Amino acid sequence: MAIGQVGMSNEDFLNADFVSVMDAINGYTKVKDMEVKTSWEQTRWLGAIMLQPHLGKGKSLKLTDLIQFEWENDTKPKKREISKEQLEWRRRMDEFMKKQLGQA
């Protein structure tokens, strides 16, 4: 995935540690998620604009009257803590990648 969809070059991938590769994949995933959200929000906006002329005089329609998306309920981002097991797993993956490249 890192080389194909994320767009890392072979050289970048082979020279990166495990955390850097995962950061690139997570960043790619966030961008794609934002694209999907934007598309849905544009669709909702167009729906509201199309319905507006058919409402009674003096009435208005909020976007959330049509649909409220699950991501709109999130008020603050959740802080993610890394456990000791995850840190150890990352360290072992870094060692494994270095051995594969003959750097260890």
C-alpha atoms as a PDB file:
ATOM      1  CA  MET A   1       0.000   0.000   0.000  1.00  0.00           C
ATOM      2  CA  ALA A   2       2.785   2.455   0.873  1.00  0.00           C
ATOM      3  CA  ILE A   3       4.383   2.250  -2.555  1.00  0.00           C
ATOM      4  CA  GLY A   4       1.229   1.825  -4.654  1.00  0.00           C
ATOM      5  CA  GLN A   5      -1.543   3.966  -3.228  1.00  0.00           C
ATOM      6  CA  VAL A   6       0.363   6.278  -0.893  1.00  0.00           C
ATOM      7  CA  GLY A   7       2.928   7.050  -3.563  1.00  0.00           C
ATOM      8  CA  MET A   8       6.166   6.421  -1.695  1.00  0.00           C
ATOM      9  CA  SER A   9       9.098   5.647  -3.964  1.00  0.00           C
ATOM     10  CA  ASN A  10      10.911   2.347  -3.521  1.00  0.00           C
ATOM     11  CA  GLU A  11      13.898   4.231  -2.153  1.00  0.00           C
ATOM     12  CA  ASP A  12      11.808   6.182   0.374  1.00  0.00           C
ATOM     13  CA  PHE A  13      10.057   2.999   1.487  1.00  0.00           C
ATOM     14  CA  LEU A  14      13.255   1.027   1.915  1.00  0.00           C
ATOM     15  CA  ASN A  15      14.980   3.855   3.806  1.00  0.00           C
ATOM     16  CA  ALA A  16      12.023   4.568   6.101  1.00  0.00           C
ATOM     17  CA  ASP A  17      11.500   3.060   9.507  1.00  0.00           C
ATOM     18  CA  PHE A  18       8.246   1.333  10.377  1.00  0.00           C
ATOM     19  CA  VAL A  19       6.719   4.369  12.138  1.00  0.00           C
ATOM     20  CA  SER A  20       7.379   6.594   9.122  1.00  0.00           C
ATOM     21  CA  VAL A  21       5.674   4.124   6.791  1.00  0.00           C
ATOM     22  CA  MET A  22       2.682   3.862   9.110  1.00  0.00           C
ATOM     23  CA  ASP A  23       2.503   7.667   9.386  1.00  0.00           C
ATOM     24  CA  ALA A  24       2.432   7.926   5.577  1.00  0.00           C
ATOM     25  CA  ILE A  25      -0.350   5.322   5.367  1.00  0.00           C
ATOM     26  CA  ASN A  26      -2.337   7.035   8.140  1.00  0.00           C
ATOM     27  CA  GLY A  27      -1.954  10.400   6.406  1.00  0.00           C
ATOM     28  CA  TYR A  28      -3.165   8.913   3.131  1.00  0.00           C
ATOM     29  CA  THR A  29      -6.154   7.380   4.887  1.00  0.00           C
ATOM     30  CA  LYS A  30      -7.074  10.725   6.488  1.00  0.00           C
ATOM     31  CA  VAL A  31      -6.947  12.486   3.116  1.00  0.00           C
ATOM     32  CA  LYS A  32      -9.214   9.862   1.526  1.00  0.00           C
ATOM     33  CA  ASP A  33     -11.602  10.064   4.479  1.00  0.00           C
ATOM     34  CA  MET A  34     -11.765  13.846   4.116  1.00  0.00           C
ATOM     35  CA  GLU A  35     -12.526  13.482   0.400  1.00  0.00           C
ATOM     36  CA  VAL A  36     -15.470  11.197   1.176  1.00  0.00           C
ATOM     37  CA  LYS A  37     -16.795  13.559   3.853  1.00  0.00           C
ATOM     38  CA  THR A  38     -16.496  16.537   1.512  1.00  0.00           C
ATOM     39  CA  SER A  39     -18.420  14.695  -1.177  1.00  0.00           C
ATOM     40  CA  TRP A  40     -21.264  13.854   1.210  1.00  0.00           C
ATOM     41  CA  GLU A  41     -21.403  17.408   2.541  1.00  0.00           C
ATOM     42  CA  GLN A  42     -21.569  18.794  -1.007  1.00  0.00           C
ATOM     43  CA  THR A  43     -24.417  16.415  -1.807  1.00  0.00           C
ATOM     44  CA  ARG A  44     -26.327  17.496   1.300  1.00  0.00           C
ATOM     45  CA  TRP A  45     -25.769  21.160   0.445  1.00  0.00           C
ATOM     46  CA  LEU A  46     -27.108  20.649  -3.094  1.00  0.00           C
ATOM     47  CA  GLY A  47     -30.155  18.846  -1.690  1.00  0.00           C
ATOM     48  CA  ALA A  48     -30.880  21.737   0.669  1.00  0.00           C
ATOM     49  CA  ILE A  49     -30.529  24.284  -2.145  1.00  0.00           C
ATOM     50  CA  MET A  50     -32.912  22.294  -4.345  1.00  0.00           C
ATOM     51  CA  LEU A  51     -35.523  21.990  -1.591  1.00  0.00           C
ATOM     52  CA  GLN A  52     -35.379  25.621  -0.453  1.00  0.00           C
ATOM     53  CA  PRO A  53     -37.751  27.042  -3.143  1.00  0.00           C
ATOM     54  CA  HIS A  54     -40.397  24.461  -2.219  1.00  0.00           C
ATOM     55  CA  LEU A  55     -40.598  25.467   1.431  1.00  0.00           C
ATOM     56  CA  GLY A  56     -43.285  27.847   2.627  1.00  0.00           C
ATOM     57  CA  LYS A  57     -42.650  31.557   2.794  1.00  0.00           C
ATOM     58  CA  GLY A  58     -40.349  32.545   5.633  1.00  0.00           C
ATOM     59  CA  LYS A  59     -39.255  28.960   6.271  1.00  0.00           C
ATOM     60  CA  SER A  60     -35.691  27.856   5.979  1.00  0.00           C
ATOM     61  CA  LEU A  61     -33.942  24.549   6.002  1.00  0.00           C
ATOM     62  CA  LYS A  62     -30.786  23.787   7.938  1.00  0.00           C
ATOM     63  CA  LEU A  63     -28.348  21.337   6.426  1.00  0.00           C
ATOM     64  CA  THR A  64     -28.642  19.155   9.503  1.00  0.00           C
ATOM     65  CA  ASP A  65     -32.423  19.005   8.990  1.00  0.00           C
ATOM     66  CA  LEU A  66     -31.751  16.794   5.971  1.00  0.00           C
ATOM     67  CA  ILE A  67     -29.121  14.555   7.530  1.00  0.00           C
ATOM     68  CA  GLN A  68     -26.568  14.796  10.286  1.00  0.00           C
ATOM     69  CA  PHE A  69     -23.372  12.902   9.708  1.00  0.00           C
ATOM     70  CA  GLU A  70     -21.678  10.902  12.430  1.00  0.00           C
ATOM     71  CA  TRP A  71     -18.493  12.956  12.159  1.00  0.00           C
ATOM     72  CA  GLU A  72     -20.403  16.118  13.013  1.00  0.00           C
ATOM     73  CA  ASN A  73     -21.079  14.752  16.504  1.00  0.00           C
ATOM     74  CA  ASP A  74     -17.372  14.565  17.328  1.00  0.00           C
ATOM     75  CA  THR A  75     -16.570  17.667  19.346  1.00  0.00           C
ATOM     76  CA  LYS A  76     -12.916  17.058  20.101  1.00  0.00           C
ATOM     77  CA  PRO A  77     -10.420  14.526  18.825  1.00  0.00           C
ATOM     78  CA  LYS A  78      -9.651  11.571  21.004  1.00  0.00           C
ATOM     79  CA  LYS A  79      -6.109  11.394  22.311  1.00  0.00           C
ATOM     80  CA  ARG A  80      -4.549   8.060  21.538  1.00  0.00           C
ATOM     81  CA  GLU A  81      -2.041   6.623  23.958  1.00  0.00           C
ATOM     82  CA  ILE A  82       0.553   4.101  22.876  1.00  0.00           C
ATOM     83  CA  SER A  83       0.949   1.085  25.113  1.00  0.00           C
ATOM     84  CA  LYS A  84       4.264  -0.519  26.050  1.00  0.00           C
ATOM     85  CA  GLU A  85       3.333  -3.510  23.897  1.00  0.00           C
ATOM     86  CA  GLN A  86       2.805  -1.279  20.869  1.00  0.00           C
ATOM     87  CA  LEU A  87       6.137   0.466  21.423  1.00  0.00           C
ATOM     88  CA  GLU A  88       7.881  -2.891  21.700  1.00  0.00           C
ATOM     89  CA  TRP A  89       6.160  -4.115  18.517  1.00  0.00           C
ATOM     90  CA  ARG A  90       7.283  -0.974  16.659  1.00  0.00           C
ATOM     91  CA  ARG A  91      10.855  -1.477  17.874  1.00  0.00           C
ATOM     92  CA  ARG A  92      10.846  -5.092  16.664  1.00  0.00           C
ATOM     93  CA  MET A  93       9.403  -4.078  13.285  1.00  0.00           C
ATOM     94  CA  ASP A  94      12.156  -1.472  12.901  1.00  0.00           C
ATOM     95  CA  GLU A  95      14.774  -4.133  13.695  1.00  0.00           C
ATOM     96  CA  PHE A  96      13.171  -6.511  11.201  1.00  0.00           C
ATOM     97  CA  MET A  97      13.178  -3.887   8.443  1.00  0.00           C
ATOM     98  CA  LYS A  98      16.818  -3.021   9.133  1.00  0.00           C
ATOM     99  CA  LYS A  99      17.779  -6.697   8.953  1.00  0.00           C
ATOM    100  CA  GLN A 100      15.989  -6.996   5.615  1.00  0.00           C
ATOM    101  CA  LEU A 101      18.077  -4.118   4.296  1.00  0.00           C
ATOM    102  CA  GLY A 102      21.289  -5.403   5.844  1.00  0.00           C
ATOM    103  CA  GLN A 103      21.596  -2.396   8.159  1.00  0.00           C
ATOM    104  CA  ALA A 104      21.561  -4.295  11.415  1.00  0.00           C
END
